[in-house]
Amino acid sequence: MLHMSSASQTLAEDEGLVDDVQAHYLRPRTSKRMPRRFICFDTEADRATIATGEVQTFSRAVASFTLRRADSGHKPATYWSTFDEGPDELWEWIAEKAAVNETLTVFAHNVQYDALLSDAVGNLKALGWTMTALRAQPKGTNP
């Protein structure tokens, strides 16, 4: 999961993890808060066998953007989009959904694979984002 805050347009340091941030365990949820603005996406790859193994390149992605209104009496609005032109198209779309002074939470089906295949770090840097923290951890593991 990536947390994007457009107020300072920040994400994660270089292409690795920030070493000075202490690891922590998630505690059981005590509130019913959910992100107000979030994106879920999944990528697909084209695969080619070469002499040394296999190469996977970005083929397409599907993403949904959900906006929950502040007044809980309304259903959230969800917008779907597909991306066949390349990963830069996906990350431009995601970056467009960031709003000033609001957090945008981005989930991926398999965050490590999907971020790597779509070149999340490279594309966000190209769009002017500054990386300060990135946390990508497989589900069901502890730090």
Protein backbone atom coordinates (compact mmCIF):
# COMPACT_ATOMS: atom_id res chain seq x y z
CA MET A 1 0.00 0.00 0.00
CA LEU A 2 1.30 3.45 -0.89
CA HIS A 3 0.11 6.55 0.90
CA MET A 4 0.23 9.64 -1.29
CA SER A 5 -0.23 13.06 0.26
CA SER A 6 -0.47 15.80 -2.32
CA ALA A 7 0.02 18.61 0.17
CA SER A 8 3.77 18.01 0.01
CA GLN A 9 3.81 15.58 -2.95
CA THR A 10 5.93 12.97 -1.18
CA LEU A 11 6.33 9.17 -1.47
CA ALA A 12 9.68 7.27 -0.83
CA GLU A 13 13.47 7.88 -0.75
CA ASP A 14 15.27 6.90 -3.97
CA GLU A 15 14.25 3.40 -4.98
CA GLY A 16 14.62 1.74 -1.60
CA LEU A 17 13.25 1.86 1.90
CA VAL A 18 14.03 4.65 4.32
CA ASP A 19 16.46 3.15 6.84
CA ASP A 20 15.86 5.57 9.69
CA VAL A 21 12.14 4.70 10.03
CA GLN A 22 11.53 2.13 12.72
CA ALA A 23 9.55 -0.98 11.78
CA HIS A 24 6.31 -1.51 13.68
CA TYR A 25 3.48 -3.99 14.06
CA LEU A 26 -0.08 -3.13 13.12
CA ARG A 27 -2.47 -3.07 16.04
CA PRO A 28 -6.05 -4.31 15.88
CA ARG A 29 -8.38 -1.69 14.46
CA THR A 30 -10.15 0.27 17.17
CA SER A 31 -12.01 2.65 14.87
CA LYS A 32 -14.14 2.24 11.79
CA ARG A 33 -12.25 4.84 9.80
CA MET A 34 -11.55 4.01 6.19
CA PRO A 35 -9.65 6.02 3.62
CA ARG A 36 -11.84 8.62 1.98
CA ARG A 37 -9.95 8.49 -1.32
CA PHE A 38 -8.37 5.24 -2.47
CA ILE A 39 -7.23 3.42 -5.57
CA CYS A 40 -6.93 -0.32 -6.12
CA PHE A 41 -5.00 -1.59 -9.12
CA ASP A 42 -3.66 -4.77 -10.68
CA THR A 43 -1.18 -5.24 -13.53
CA GLU A 44 -0.74 -7.98 -16.12
CA ALA A 45 2.50 -8.92 -17.87
CA ASP A 46 3.59 -10.22 -21.24
CA ARG A 47 6.07 -13.06 -20.70
CA ALA A 48 8.96 -14.09 -22.92
CA THR A 49 11.40 -16.95 -22.39
CA ILE A 50 15.05 -16.11 -23.00
CA ALA A 51 18.26 -18.14 -22.62
CA THR A 52 18.77 -17.02 -19.01
CA GLY A 53 15.16 -17.32 -17.85
CA GLU A 54 12.01 -15.26 -18.31
CA VAL A 55 11.35 -11.59 -18.98
CA GLN A 56 8.08 -9.96 -17.94
CA THR A 57 6.99 -6.61 -19.34
CA PHE A 58 3.95 -4.47 -18.62
CA SER A 59 0.97 -5.50 -20.73
CA ARG A 60 -2.02 -3.75 -19.14
CA ALA A 61 -3.52 -2.62 -15.85
CA VAL A 62 -6.96 -2.12 -14.37
CA ALA A 63 -7.63 0.36 -11.58
CA SER A 64 -10.54 1.71 -9.61
CA PHE A 65 -10.76 5.05 -7.81
CA THR A 66 -13.22 5.27 -4.92
CA LEU A 67 -14.28 8.52 -3.34
CA ARG A 68 -16.25 8.28 -0.11
CA ARG A 69 -18.19 11.41 0.72
CA ALA A 70 -17.80 13.01 4.12
CA ASP A 71 -21.52 12.65 4.82
CA SER A 72 -22.05 8.93 5.35
CA GLY A 73 -25.58 9.02 3.91
CA HIS A 74 -24.28 8.62 0.36
CA LYS A 75 -22.79 5.57 -1.34
CA PRO A 76 -19.15 5.90 -2.38
CA ALA A 77 -18.54 6.75 -6.02
CA THR A 78 -16.22 4.31 -7.84
CA TYR A 79 -14.63 4.95 -11.22
CA TRP A 80 -12.92 2.20 -13.24
CA SER A 81 -10.24 2.57 -15.88
CA THR A 82 -8.03 0.30 -17.98
CA PHE A 83 -4.51 1.09 -19.18
CA ASP A 84 -3.10 -0.56 -22.31
CA GLU A 85 -0.60 2.07 -23.48
CA GLY A 86 1.98 1.61 -20.72
CA PRO A 87 2.62 2.02 -17.02
CA ASP A 88 3.17 5.78 -17.33
CA GLU A 89 -0.51 6.08 -18.33
CA LEU A 90 -1.51 4.27 -15.10
CA TRP A 91 0.63 6.46 -12.83
CA GLU A 92 -0.47 9.69 -14.54
CA TRP A 93 -4.07 8.66 -13.83
CA ILE A 94 -3.23 7.84 -10.20
CA ALA A 95 -1.35 11.13 -9.71
CA GLU A 96 -4.31 13.07 -11.15
CA LYS A 97 -6.48 11.66 -8.36
CA ALA A 98 -4.31 13.21 -5.64
CA ALA A 99 -5.99 16.25 -4.09
CA VAL A 100 -4.42 19.08 -2.12
CA ASN A 101 -4.46 18.41 1.64
CA GLU A 102 -6.06 14.97 1.24
CA THR A 103 -4.43 11.56 1.48
CA LEU A 104 -4.77 9.17 -1.43
CA THR A 105 -4.22 5.54 -0.43
CA VAL A 106 -3.13 3.19 -3.21
CA PHE A 107 -3.57 -0.59 -2.87
CA ALA A 108 -2.28 -3.18 -5.32
CA HIS A 109 -3.20 -6.84 -5.76
CA ASN A 110 0.46 -7.77 -5.14
CA VAL A 111 2.12 -4.47 -4.24
CA GLN A 112 5.74 -5.57 -4.75
CA TYR A 113 5.10 -7.18 -8.14
CA ASP A 114 2.66 -4.53 -9.38
CA ALA A 115 4.88 -1.62 -8.28
CA LEU A 116 7.91 -3.22 -9.95
CA LEU A 117 6.12 -4.16 -13.18
CA SER A 118 4.53 -0.70 -13.50
CA ASP A 119 7.75 1.09 -12.46
CA ALA A 120 5.91 2.98 -9.73
CA VAL A 121 9.00 4.73 -8.37
CA GLY A 122 10.36 5.76 -11.78
CA ASN A 123 6.99 6.99 -13.02
CA LEU A 124 6.21 8.96 -9.87
CA LYS A 125 9.63 10.60 -9.95
CA ALA A 126 9.06 11.51 -13.61
CA LEU A 127 5.76 13.13 -12.58
CA GLY A 128 7.55 15.31 -10.03
CA TRP A 129 6.91 13.38 -6.84
CA THR A 130 9.64 13.35 -4.19
CA MET A 131 10.14 10.02 -2.43
CA THR A 132 10.36 10.05 1.38
CA ALA A 133 8.93 6.69 2.53
CA LEU A 134 7.81 3.48 0.86
CA ARG A 135 6.44 0.45 2.64
CA ALA A 136 5.77 -2.67 0.60
CA GLN A 137 5.25 -5.89 2.51
CA PRO A 138 3.68 -9.17 1.44
CA LYS A 139 0.43 -9.96 3.20
CA GLY A 140 0.63 -12.19 6.22
CA THR A 141 4.22 -11.28 7.15
CA ASN A 142 5.57 -9.41 10.15
CA PRO A 143 8.44 -6.91 10.05
